[in-house]
mmCIF file of all heavy atoms, coordinates in Angstrom:
data_MODEL
# 
_entry.id   MODEL 
# 
loop_
_atom_site.group_PDB 
_atom_site.id 
_atom_site.type_symbol 
_atom_site.label_atom_id 
_atom_site.label_alt_id 
_atom_site.label_comp_id 
_atom_site.label_asym_id 
_atom_site.label_entity_id 
_atom_site.label_seq_id 
_atom_site.pdbx_PDB_ins_code 
_atom_site.Cartn_x 
_atom_site.Cartn_y 
_atom_site.Cartn_z 
_atom_site.occupancy 
_atom_site.B_iso_or_equiv 
_atom_site.pdbx_formal_charge 
_atom_site.auth_seq_id 
_atom_site.auth_comp_id 
_atom_site.auth_asym_id 
_atom_site.auth_atom_id 
_atom_site.pdbx_PDB_model_num 
ATOM 1   N N   . VAL A 1 1  ? -11.057 11.815 6.149   1.00 0.00 ? 1  VAL A N   1 
ATOM 2   C CA  . VAL A 1 1  ? -9.924  11.224 5.432   1.00 0.00 ? 1  VAL A CA  1 
ATOM 3   C C   . VAL A 1 1  ? -8.994  10.488 6.376   1.00 0.00 ? 1  VAL A C   1 
ATOM 4   O O   . VAL A 1 1  ? -8.641  11.021 7.420   1.00 0.00 ? 1  VAL A O   1 
ATOM 5   C CB  . VAL A 1 1  ? -9.156  12.385 4.673   1.00 0.00 ? 1  VAL A CB  1 
ATOM 6   C CG1 . VAL A 1 1  ? -7.814  11.817 4.084   1.00 0.00 ? 1  VAL A CG1 1 
ATOM 7   C CG2 . VAL A 1 1  ? -10.012 12.951 3.559   1.00 0.00 ? 1  VAL A CG2 1 
ATOM 8   N N   . ARG A 1 2  ? -8.614  9.291  6.024   1.00 0.00 ? 2  ARG A N   1 
ATOM 9   C CA  . ARG A 1 2  ? -7.702  8.498  6.826   1.00 0.00 ? 2  ARG A CA  1 
ATOM 10  C C   . ARG A 1 2  ? -6.235  8.792  6.515   1.00 0.00 ? 2  ARG A C   1 
ATOM 11  O O   . ARG A 1 2  ? -5.843  8.847  5.326   1.00 0.00 ? 2  ARG A O   1 
ATOM 12  C CB  . ARG A 1 2  ? -8.004  6.974  6.609   1.00 0.00 ? 2  ARG A CB  1 
ATOM 13  C CG  . ARG A 1 2  ? -7.123  6.059  7.376   1.00 0.00 ? 2  ARG A CG  1 
ATOM 14  C CD  . ARG A 1 2  ? -7.337  4.610  6.873   1.00 0.00 ? 2  ARG A CD  1 
ATOM 15  N NE  . ARG A 1 2  ? -6.354  3.706  7.574   1.00 0.00 ? 2  ARG A NE  1 
ATOM 16  C CZ  . ARG A 1 2  ? -5.937  2.599  7.001   1.00 0.00 ? 2  ARG A CZ  1 
ATOM 17  N NH1 . ARG A 1 2  ? -6.347  2.227  5.801   1.00 0.00 ? 2  ARG A NH1 1 
ATOM 18  N NH2 . ARG A 1 2  ? -5.068  1.856  7.611   1.00 0.00 ? 2  ARG A NH2 1 
ATOM 19  N N   . PHE A 1 3  ? -5.450  9.073  7.637   1.00 0.00 ? 3  PHE A N   1 
ATOM 20  C CA  . PHE A 1 3  ? -4.021  9.382  7.446   1.00 0.00 ? 3  PHE A CA  1 
ATOM 21  C C   . PHE A 1 3  ? -3.243  8.217  8.018   1.00 0.00 ? 3  PHE A C   1 
ATOM 22  O O   . PHE A 1 3  ? -3.396  7.888  9.132   1.00 0.00 ? 3  PHE A O   1 
ATOM 23  C CB  . PHE A 1 3  ? -3.668  10.701 7.998   1.00 0.00 ? 3  PHE A CB  1 
ATOM 24  C CG  . PHE A 1 3  ? -4.105  11.888 7.145   1.00 0.00 ? 3  PHE A CG  1 
ATOM 25  C CD1 . PHE A 1 3  ? -5.352  12.424 7.326   1.00 0.00 ? 3  PHE A CD1 1 
ATOM 26  C CD2 . PHE A 1 3  ? -3.195  12.476 6.273   1.00 0.00 ? 3  PHE A CD2 1 
ATOM 27  C CE1 . PHE A 1 3  ? -5.778  13.517 6.548   1.00 0.00 ? 3  PHE A CE1 1 
ATOM 28  C CE2 . PHE A 1 3  ? -3.599  13.499 5.442   1.00 0.00 ? 3  PHE A CE2 1 
ATOM 29  C CZ  . PHE A 1 3  ? -4.844  13.989 5.613   1.00 0.00 ? 3  PHE A CZ  1 
ATOM 30  N N   . VAL A 1 4  ? -2.363  7.673  7.232   1.00 0.00 ? 4  VAL A N   1 
ATOM 31  C CA  . VAL A 1 4  ? -1.402  6.638  7.649   1.00 0.00 ? 4  VAL A CA  1 
ATOM 32  C C   . VAL A 1 4  ? -0.029  7.289  7.538   1.00 0.00 ? 4  VAL A C   1 
ATOM 33  O O   . VAL A 1 4  ? 0.558   7.269  6.513   1.00 0.00 ? 4  VAL A O   1 
ATOM 34  C CB  . VAL A 1 4  ? -1.529  5.351  6.829   1.00 0.00 ? 4  VAL A CB  1 
ATOM 35  C CG1 . VAL A 1 4  ? -0.586  4.287  7.444   1.00 0.00 ? 4  VAL A CG1 1 
ATOM 36  C CG2 . VAL A 1 4  ? -2.895  4.835  6.845   1.00 0.00 ? 4  VAL A CG2 1 
ATOM 37  N N   . LEU A 1 5  ? 0.482   7.864  8.626   1.00 0.00 ? 5  LEU A N   1 
ATOM 38  C CA  . LEU A 1 5  ? 1.696   8.616  8.571   1.00 0.00 ? 5  LEU A CA  1 
ATOM 39  C C   . LEU A 1 5  ? 2.835   7.978  9.264   1.00 0.00 ? 5  LEU A C   1 
ATOM 40  O O   . LEU A 1 5  ? 2.635   6.940  9.940   1.00 0.00 ? 5  LEU A O   1 
ATOM 41  C CB  . LEU A 1 5  ? 1.452   9.992  9.289   1.00 0.00 ? 5  LEU A CB  1 
ATOM 42  C CG  . LEU A 1 5  ? 0.334   10.840 8.680   1.00 0.00 ? 5  LEU A CG  1 
ATOM 43  C CD1 . LEU A 1 5  ? -0.009  12.025 9.429   1.00 0.00 ? 5  LEU A CD1 1 
ATOM 44  C CD2 . LEU A 1 5  ? 0.619   11.172 7.198   1.00 0.00 ? 5  LEU A CD2 1 
ATOM 45  N N   . ASP A 1 6  ? 4.027   8.519  9.014   1.00 0.00 ? 6  ASP A N   1 
ATOM 46  C CA  . ASP A 1 6  ? 5.285   7.867  9.542   1.00 0.00 ? 6  ASP A CA  1 
ATOM 47  C C   . ASP A 1 6  ? 5.286   6.415  9.112   1.00 0.00 ? 6  ASP A C   1 
ATOM 48  O O   . ASP A 1 6  ? 5.810   5.493  9.900   1.00 0.00 ? 6  ASP A O   1 
ATOM 49  C CB  . ASP A 1 6  ? 5.420   7.977  11.063  1.00 0.00 ? 6  ASP A CB  1 
ATOM 50  C CG  . ASP A 1 6  ? 5.411   9.430  11.531  1.00 0.00 ? 6  ASP A CG  1 
ATOM 51  O OD1 . ASP A 1 6  ? 6.145   10.312 10.857  1.00 0.00 ? 6  ASP A OD1 1 
ATOM 52  O OD2 . ASP A 1 6  ? 4.654   9.882  12.440  1.00 0.00 ? 6  ASP A OD2 1 
ATOM 53  N N   . THR A 1 7  ? 4.902   6.121  7.965   1.00 0.00 ? 7  THR A N   1 
ATOM 54  C CA  . THR A 1 7  ? 4.788   4.720  7.410   1.00 0.00 ? 7  THR A CA  1 
ATOM 55  C C   . THR A 1 7  ? 5.336   4.688  6.050   1.00 0.00 ? 7  THR A C   1 
ATOM 56  O O   . THR A 1 7  ? 4.850   5.435  5.133   1.00 0.00 ? 7  THR A O   1 
ATOM 57  C CB  . THR A 1 7  ? 3.312   4.283  7.434   1.00 0.00 ? 7  THR A CB  1 
ATOM 58  O OG1 . THR A 1 7  ? 2.789   4.322  8.782   1.00 0.00 ? 7  THR A OG1 1 
ATOM 59  C CG2 . THR A 1 7  ? 3.166   2.893  6.972   1.00 0.00 ? 7  THR A CG2 1 
ATOM 60  N N   . ARG A 1 8  ? 6.288   3.902  5.830   1.00 0.00 ? 8  ARG A N   1 
ATOM 61  C CA  . ARG A 1 8  ? 6.977   3.712  4.508   1.00 0.00 ? 8  ARG A CA  1 
ATOM 62  C C   . ARG A 1 8  ? 6.175   2.782  3.582   1.00 0.00 ? 8  ARG A C   1 
ATOM 63  O O   . ARG A 1 8  ? 5.773   1.706  3.971   1.00 0.00 ? 8  ARG A O   1 
ATOM 64  C CB  . ARG A 1 8  ? 8.379   3.223  4.683   1.00 0.00 ? 8  ARG A CB  1 
ATOM 65  C CG  . ARG A 1 8  ? 9.290   3.376  3.455   1.00 0.00 ? 8  ARG A CG  1 
ATOM 66  C CD  . ARG A 1 8  ? 10.697  3.062  3.838   1.00 0.00 ? 8  ARG A CD  1 
ATOM 67  N NE  . ARG A 1 8  ? 10.871  1.761  4.295   1.00 0.00 ? 8  ARG A NE  1 
ATOM 68  C CZ  . ARG A 1 8  ? 11.233  0.670  3.512   1.00 0.00 ? 8  ARG A CZ  1 
ATOM 69  N NH1 . ARG A 1 8  ? 11.462  0.877  2.243   1.00 0.00 ? 8  ARG A NH1 1 
ATOM 70  N NH2 . ARG A 1 8  ? 11.361  -0.561 4.015   1.00 0.00 ? 8  ARG A NH2 1 
ATOM 71  N N   . ILE A 1 9  ? 6.022   3.215  2.314   1.00 0.00 ? 9  ILE A N   1 
ATOM 72  C CA  . ILE A 1 9  ? 5.419   2.331  1.283   1.00 0.00 ? 9  ILE A CA  1 
ATOM 73  C C   . ILE A 1 9  ? 6.563   1.507  0.647   1.00 0.00 ? 9  ILE A C   1 
ATOM 74  O O   . ILE A 1 9  ? 7.579   2.129  0.186   1.00 0.00 ? 9  ILE A O   1 
ATOM 75  C CB  . ILE A 1 9  ? 4.752   3.183  0.229   1.00 0.00 ? 9  ILE A CB  1 
ATOM 76  C CG1 . ILE A 1 9  ? 3.656   4.051  0.874   1.00 0.00 ? 9  ILE A CG1 1 
ATOM 77  C CG2 . ILE A 1 9  ? 4.120   2.247  -0.820  1.00 0.00 ? 9  ILE A CG2 1 
ATOM 78  C CD1 . ILE A 1 9  ? 3.132   5.075  -0.079  1.00 0.00 ? 9  ILE A CD1 1 
ATOM 79  N N   . THR A 1 10 ? 6.521   0.248  0.678   1.00 0.00 ? 10 THR A N   1 
ATOM 80  C CA  . THR A 1 10 ? 7.567   -0.625 0.209   1.00 0.00 ? 10 THR A CA  1 
ATOM 81  C C   . THR A 1 10 ? 7.358   -1.105 -1.205  1.00 0.00 ? 10 THR A C   1 
ATOM 82  O O   . THR A 1 10 ? 8.321   -1.318 -1.876  1.00 0.00 ? 10 THR A O   1 
ATOM 83  C CB  . THR A 1 10 ? 7.730   -1.841 1.187   1.00 0.00 ? 10 THR A CB  1 
ATOM 84  O OG1 . THR A 1 10 ? 6.571   -2.538 1.242   1.00 0.00 ? 10 THR A OG1 1 
ATOM 85  C CG2 . THR A 1 10 ? 8.145   -1.313 2.611   1.00 0.00 ? 10 THR A CG2 1 
ATOM 86  N N   . ALA A 1 11 ? 6.105   -1.294 -1.602  1.00 0.00 ? 11 ALA A N   1 
ATOM 87  C CA  . ALA A 1 11 ? 5.884   -1.717 -2.970  1.00 0.00 ? 11 ALA A CA  1 
ATOM 88  C C   . ALA A 1 11 ? 4.382   -1.590 -3.294  1.00 0.00 ? 11 ALA A C   1 
ATOM 89  O O   . ALA A 1 11 ? 3.549   -1.338 -2.393  1.00 0.00 ? 11 ALA A O   1 
ATOM 90  C CB  . ALA A 1 11 ? 6.282   -3.234 -3.084  1.00 0.00 ? 11 ALA A CB  1 
ATOM 91  N N   . LEU A 1 12 ? 4.126   -1.671 -4.586  1.00 0.00 ? 12 LEU A N   1 
ATOM 92  C CA  . LEU A 1 12 ? 2.672   -1.700 -5.089  1.00 0.00 ? 12 LEU A CA  1 
ATOM 93  C C   . LEU A 1 12 ? 2.516   -3.055 -5.663  1.00 0.00 ? 12 LEU A C   1 
ATOM 94  O O   . LEU A 1 12 ? 3.352   -3.493 -6.515  1.00 0.00 ? 12 LEU A O   1 
ATOM 95  C CB  . LEU A 1 12 ? 2.446   -0.600 -6.118  1.00 0.00 ? 12 LEU A CB  1 
ATOM 96  C CG  . LEU A 1 12 ? 2.606   0.858  -5.696  1.00 0.00 ? 12 LEU A CG  1 
ATOM 97  C CD1 . LEU A 1 12 ? 2.476   1.817  -6.847  1.00 0.00 ? 12 LEU A CD1 1 
ATOM 98  C CD2 . LEU A 1 12 ? 1.615   1.132  -4.510  1.00 0.00 ? 12 LEU A CD2 1 
ATOM 99  N N   . THR A 1 13 ? 1.470   -3.764 -5.282  1.00 0.00 ? 13 THR A N   1 
ATOM 100 C CA  . THR A 1 13 ? 1.130   -5.138 -5.815  1.00 0.00 ? 13 THR A CA  1 
ATOM 101 C C   . THR A 1 13 ? 0.052   -5.099 -6.772  1.00 0.00 ? 13 THR A C   1 
ATOM 102 O O   . THR A 1 13 ? -0.942  -4.442 -6.610  1.00 0.00 ? 13 THR A O   1 
ATOM 103 C CB  . THR A 1 13 ? 0.902   -6.093 -4.638  1.00 0.00 ? 13 THR A CB  1 
ATOM 104 O OG1 . THR A 1 13 ? -0.281  -5.610 -3.917  1.00 0.00 ? 13 THR A OG1 1 
ATOM 105 C CG2 . THR A 1 13 ? 2.051   -6.226 -3.652  1.00 0.00 ? 13 THR A CG2 1 
ATOM 106 N N   . ARG A 1 14 ? 0.337   -5.806 -7.870  1.00 0.00 ? 14 ARG A N   1 
ATOM 107 C CA  . ARG A 1 14 ? -0.665  -5.944 -8.937  1.00 0.00 ? 14 ARG A CA  1 
ATOM 108 C C   . ARG A 1 14 ? -1.671  -7.077 -8.699  1.00 0.00 ? 14 ARG A C   1 
ATOM 109 O O   . ARG A 1 14 ? -1.329  -8.088 -8.125  1.00 0.00 ? 14 ARG A O   1 
ATOM 110 C CB  . ARG A 1 14 ? 0.007   -6.213 -10.283 1.00 0.00 ? 14 ARG A CB  1 
ATOM 111 C CG  . ARG A 1 14 ? 0.810   -5.039 -10.861 1.00 0.00 ? 14 ARG A CG  1 
ATOM 112 C CD  . ARG A 1 14 ? 1.411   -5.500 -12.215 1.00 0.00 ? 14 ARG A CD  1 
ATOM 113 N NE  . ARG A 1 14 ? 2.196   -4.425 -12.817 1.00 0.00 ? 14 ARG A NE  1 
ATOM 114 C CZ  . ARG A 1 14 ? 1.845   -3.764 -13.908 1.00 0.00 ? 14 ARG A CZ  1 
ATOM 115 N NH1 . ARG A 1 14 ? 0.560   -3.914 -14.376 1.00 0.00 ? 14 ARG A NH1 1 
ATOM 116 N NH2 . ARG A 1 14 ? 2.691   -2.820 -14.494 1.00 0.00 ? 14 ARG A NH2 1 
ATOM 117 N N   . SER A 1 15 ? -2.816  -6.924 -9.360  1.00 0.00 ? 15 SER A N   1 
ATOM 118 C CA  . SER A 1 15 ? -3.754  -8.036 -9.542  1.00 0.00 ? 15 SER A CA  1 
ATOM 119 C C   . SER A 1 15 ? -4.285  -7.932 -10.898 1.00 0.00 ? 15 SER A C   1 
ATOM 120 O O   . SER A 1 15 ? -5.128  -7.091 -11.184 1.00 0.00 ? 15 SER A O   1 
ATOM 121 C CB  . SER A 1 15 ? -4.919  -7.918 -8.526  1.00 0.00 ? 15 SER A CB  1 
ATOM 122 O OG  . SER A 1 15 ? -5.840  -8.990 -8.746  1.00 0.00 ? 15 SER A OG  1 
ATOM 123 N N   . GLY A 1 16 ? -3.680  -8.721 -11.782 1.00 0.00 ? 16 GLY A N   1 
ATOM 124 C CA  . GLY A 1 16 ? -4.002  -8.543 -13.284 1.00 0.00 ? 16 GLY A CA  1 
ATOM 125 C C   . GLY A 1 16 ? -3.485  -7.251 -13.729 1.00 0.00 ? 16 GLY A C   1 
ATOM 126 O O   . GLY A 1 16 ? -2.286  -6.903 -13.635 1.00 0.00 ? 16 GLY A O   1 
ATOM 127 N N   . ALA A 1 17 ? -4.381  -6.474 -14.348 1.00 0.00 ? 17 ALA A N   1 
ATOM 128 C CA  . ALA A 1 17 ? -3.989  -5.248 -14.980 1.00 0.00 ? 17 ALA A CA  1 
ATOM 129 C C   . ALA A 1 17 ? -4.214  -3.993 -14.029 1.00 0.00 ? 17 ALA A C   1 
ATOM 130 O O   . ALA A 1 17 ? -4.161  -2.820 -14.464 1.00 0.00 ? 17 ALA A O   1 
ATOM 131 C CB  . ALA A 1 17 ? -4.782  -4.945 -16.208 1.00 0.00 ? 17 ALA A CB  1 
ATOM 132 N N   . ARG A 1 18 ? -4.355  -4.281 -12.694 1.00 0.00 ? 18 ARG A N   1 
ATOM 133 C CA  . ARG A 1 18 ? -4.659  -3.224 -11.718 1.00 0.00 ? 18 ARG A CA  1 
ATOM 134 C C   . ARG A 1 18 ? -3.765  -3.348 -10.582 1.00 0.00 ? 18 ARG A C   1 
ATOM 135 O O   . ARG A 1 18 ? -3.149  -4.384 -10.250 1.00 0.00 ? 18 ARG A O   1 
ATOM 136 C CB  . ARG A 1 18 ? -6.133  -3.245 -11.345 1.00 0.00 ? 18 ARG A CB  1 
ATOM 137 C CG  . ARG A 1 18 ? -7.121  -3.078 -12.431 1.00 0.00 ? 18 ARG A CG  1 
ATOM 138 C CD  . ARG A 1 18 ? -8.531  -3.358 -11.951 1.00 0.00 ? 18 ARG A CD  1 
ATOM 139 N NE  . ARG A 1 18 ? -8.996  -2.364 -11.025 1.00 0.00 ? 18 ARG A NE  1 
ATOM 140 C CZ  . ARG A 1 18 ? -9.421  -1.142 -11.368 1.00 0.00 ? 18 ARG A CZ  1 
ATOM 141 N NH1 . ARG A 1 18 ? -9.405  -0.743 -12.625 1.00 0.00 ? 18 ARG A NH1 1 
ATOM 142 N NH2 . ARG A 1 18 ? -9.879  -0.214 -10.481 1.00 0.00 ? 18 ARG A NH2 1 
ATOM 143 N N   . ILE A 1 19 ? -3.656  -2.236 -9.748  1.00 0.00 ? 19 ILE A N   1 
ATOM 144 C CA  . ILE A 1 19 ? -2.971  -2.217 -8.540  1.00 0.00 ? 19 ILE A CA  1 
ATOM 145 C C   . ILE A 1 19 ? -3.985  -2.724 -7.483  1.00 0.00 ? 19 ILE A C   1 
ATOM 146 O O   . ILE A 1 19 ? -5.059  -2.146 -7.422  1.00 0.00 ? 19 ILE A O   1 
ATOM 147 C CB  . ILE A 1 19 ? -2.427  -0.866 -8.169  1.00 0.00 ? 19 ILE A CB  1 
ATOM 148 C CG1 . ILE A 1 19 ? -1.456  -0.364 -9.122  1.00 0.00 ? 19 ILE A CG1 1 
ATOM 149 C CG2 . ILE A 1 19 ? -1.871  -0.871 -6.751  1.00 0.00 ? 19 ILE A CG2 1 
ATOM 150 C CD1 . ILE A 1 19 ? -0.172  -1.140 -9.172  1.00 0.00 ? 19 ILE A CD1 1 
ATOM 151 N N   . ALA A 1 20 ? -3.610  -3.761 -6.702  1.00 0.00 ? 20 ALA A N   1 
ATOM 152 C CA  . ALA A 1 20 ? -4.510  -4.265 -5.730  1.00 0.00 ? 20 ALA A CA  1 
ATOM 153 C C   . ALA A 1 20 ? -4.239  -3.565 -4.331  1.00 0.00 ? 20 ALA A C   1 
ATOM 154 O O   . ALA A 1 20 ? -5.235  -3.294 -3.602  1.00 0.00 ? 20 ALA A O   1 
ATOM 155 C CB  . ALA A 1 20 ? -4.280  -5.779 -5.571  1.00 0.00 ? 20 ALA A CB  1 
ATOM 156 N N   . ALA A 1 21 ? -2.973  -3.276 -4.024  1.00 0.00 ? 21 ALA A N   1 
ATOM 157 C CA  . ALA A 1 21 ? -2.703  -2.717 -2.701  1.00 0.00 ? 21 ALA A CA  1 
ATOM 158 C C   . ALA A 1 21 ? -1.392  -2.032 -2.650  1.00 0.00 ? 21 ALA A C   1 
ATOM 159 O O   . ALA A 1 21 ? -0.461  -2.274 -3.470  1.00 0.00 ? 21 ALA A O   1 
ATOM 160 C CB  . ALA A 1 21 ? -2.776  -3.815 -1.594  1.00 0.00 ? 21 ALA A CB  1 
ATOM 161 N N   . ALA A 1 22 ? -1.190  -1.130 -1.747  1.00 0.00 ? 22 ALA A N   1 
ATOM 162 C CA  . ALA A 1 22 ? 0.074   -0.529 -1.417  1.00 0.00 ? 22 ALA A CA  1 
ATOM 163 C C   . ALA A 1 22 ? 0.602   -1.251 -0.214  1.00 0.00 ? 22 ALA A C   1 
ATOM 164 O O   . ALA A 1 22 ? -0.016  -1.286 0.789   1.00 0.00 ? 22 ALA A O   1 
ATOM 165 C CB  . ALA A 1 22 ? -0.050  0.983  -1.174  1.00 0.00 ? 22 ALA A CB  1 
ATOM 166 N N   . GLN A 1 23 ? 1.768   -1.835 -0.390  1.00 0.00 ? 23 GLN A N   1 
ATOM 167 C CA  . GLN A 1 23 ? 2.340   -2.541 0.783   1.00 0.00 ? 23 GLN A CA  1 
ATOM 168 C C   . GLN A 1 23 ? 3.151   -1.503 1.603   1.00 0.00 ? 23 GLN A C   1 
ATOM 169 O O   . GLN A 1 23 ? 3.988   -0.753 1.017   1.00 0.00 ? 23 GLN A O   1 
ATOM 170 C CB  . GLN A 1 23 ? 3.263   -3.624 0.309   1.00 0.00 ? 23 GLN A CB  1 
ATOM 171 C CG  . GLN A 1 23 ? 2.616   -4.749 -0.550  1.00 0.00 ? 23 GLN A CG  1 
ATOM 172 C CD  . GLN A 1 23 ? 1.511   -5.492 0.168   1.00 0.00 ? 23 GLN A CD  1 
ATOM 173 O OE1 . GLN A 1 23 ? 1.577   -5.655 1.360   1.00 0.00 ? 23 GLN A OE1 1 
ATOM 174 N NE2 . GLN A 1 23 ? 0.464   -5.889 -0.521  1.00 0.00 ? 23 GLN A NE2 1 
ATOM 175 N N   . THR A 1 24 ? 2.865   -1.509 2.936   1.00 0.00 ? 24 THR A N   1 
ATOM 176 C CA  . THR A 1 24 ? 3.588   -0.558 3.774   1.00 0.00 ? 24 THR A CA  1 
ATOM 177 C C   . THR A 1 24 ? 4.149   -1.274 5.022   1.00 0.00 ? 24 THR A C   1 
ATOM 178 O O   . THR A 1 24 ? 3.809   -2.512 5.262   1.00 0.00 ? 24 THR A O   1 
ATOM 179 C CB  . THR A 1 24 ? 2.620   0.546  4.273   1.00 0.00 ? 24 THR A CB  1 
ATOM 180 O OG1 . THR A 1 24 ? 1.724   -0.004 5.341   1.00 0.00 ? 24 THR A OG1 1 
ATOM 181 C CG2 . THR A 1 24 ? 1.735   1.074  3.094   1.00 0.00 ? 24 THR A CG2 1 
ATOM 182 N N   . ASP A 1 25 ? 4.901   -0.517 5.762   1.00 0.00 ? 25 ASP A N   1 
ATOM 183 C CA  . ASP A 1 25 ? 5.474   -1.079 7.132   1.00 0.00 ? 25 ASP A CA  1 
ATOM 184 C C   . ASP A 1 25 ? 4.287   -1.434 7.963   1.00 0.00 ? 25 ASP A C   1 
ATOM 185 O O   . ASP A 1 25 ? 4.560   -2.218 8.915   1.00 0.00 ? 25 ASP A O   1 
ATOM 186 C CB  . ASP A 1 25 ? 6.323   0.018  7.773   1.00 0.00 ? 25 ASP A CB  1 
ATOM 187 C CG  . ASP A 1 25 ? 7.563   0.264  6.967   1.00 0.00 ? 25 ASP A CG  1 
ATOM 188 O OD1 . ASP A 1 25 ? 7.955   -0.607 6.182   1.00 0.00 ? 25 ASP A OD1 1 
ATOM 189 O OD2 . ASP A 1 25 ? 8.175   1.364  7.147   1.00 0.00 ? 25 ASP A OD2 1 
ATOM 190 N N   . ALA A 1 26 ? 3.125   -0.864 7.838   1.00 0.00 ? 26 ALA A N   1 
ATOM 191 C CA  . ALA A 1 26 ? 1.957   -1.120 8.701   1.00 0.00 ? 26 ALA A CA  1 
ATOM 192 C C   . ALA A 1 26 ? 0.969   -2.064 8.051   1.00 0.00 ? 26 ALA A C   1 
ATOM 193 O O   . ALA A 1 26 ? -0.083  -2.269 8.682   1.00 0.00 ? 26 ALA A O   1 
ATOM 194 C CB  . ALA A 1 26 ? 1.327   0.183  9.072   1.00 0.00 ? 26 ALA A CB  1 
ATOM 195 N N   . GLY A 1 27 ? 1.368   -2.754 6.996   1.00 0.00 ? 27 GLY A N   1 
ATOM 196 C CA  . GLY A 1 27 ? 0.491   -3.617 6.322   1.00 0.00 ? 27 GLY A CA  1 
ATOM 197 C C   . GLY A 1 27 ? 0.033   -3.108 4.947   1.00 0.00 ? 27 GLY A C   1 
ATOM 198 O O   . GLY A 1 27 ? 0.320   -2.052 4.464   1.00 0.00 ? 27 GLY A O   1 
ATOM 199 N N   . ALA A 1 28 ? -0.852  -3.940 4.295   1.00 0.00 ? 28 ALA A N   1 
ATOM 200 C CA  . ALA A 1 28 ? -1.381  -3.558 3.026   1.00 0.00 ? 28 ALA A CA  1 
ATOM 201 C C   . ALA A 1 28 ? -2.596  -2.573 3.138   1.00 0.00 ? 28 ALA A C   1 
ATOM 202 O O   . ALA A 1 28 ? -3.381  -2.686 4.000   1.00 0.00 ? 28 ALA A O   1 
ATOM 203 C CB  . ALA A 1 28 ? -1.857  -4.820 2.225   1.00 0.00 ? 28 ALA A CB  1 
ATOM 204 N N   . ILE A 1 29 ? -2.561  -1.643 2.138   1.00 0.00 ? 29 ILE A N   1 
ATOM 205 C CA  . ILE A 1 29 ? -3.658  -0.612 2.108   1.00 0.00 ? 29 ILE A CA  1 
ATOM 206 C C   . ILE A 1 29 ? -4.293  -0.952 0.669   1.00 0.00 ? 29 ILE A C   1 
ATOM 207 O O   . ILE A 1 29 ? -3.707  -0.681 -0.336  1.00 0.00 ? 29 ILE A O   1 
ATOM 208 C CB  . ILE A 1 29 ? -3.153  0.782  2.126   1.00 0.00 ? 29 ILE A CB  1 
ATOM 209 C CG1 . ILE A 1 29 ? -2.532  1.078  3.443   1.00 0.00 ? 29 ILE A CG1 1 
ATOM 210 C CG2 . ILE A 1 29 ? -4.323  1.713  1.859   1.00 0.00 ? 29 ILE A CG2 1 
ATOM 211 C CD1 . ILE A 1 29 ? -1.912  2.419  3.610   1.00 0.00 ? 29 ILE A CD1 1 
# 
């Protein structure tokens, strides 16, 4: 399991009717 810690999630970006990525201080997931 990959852990991205001490990293703030700033937004969730949509692509149509779905979430495409979680935007974080360390980039998009």
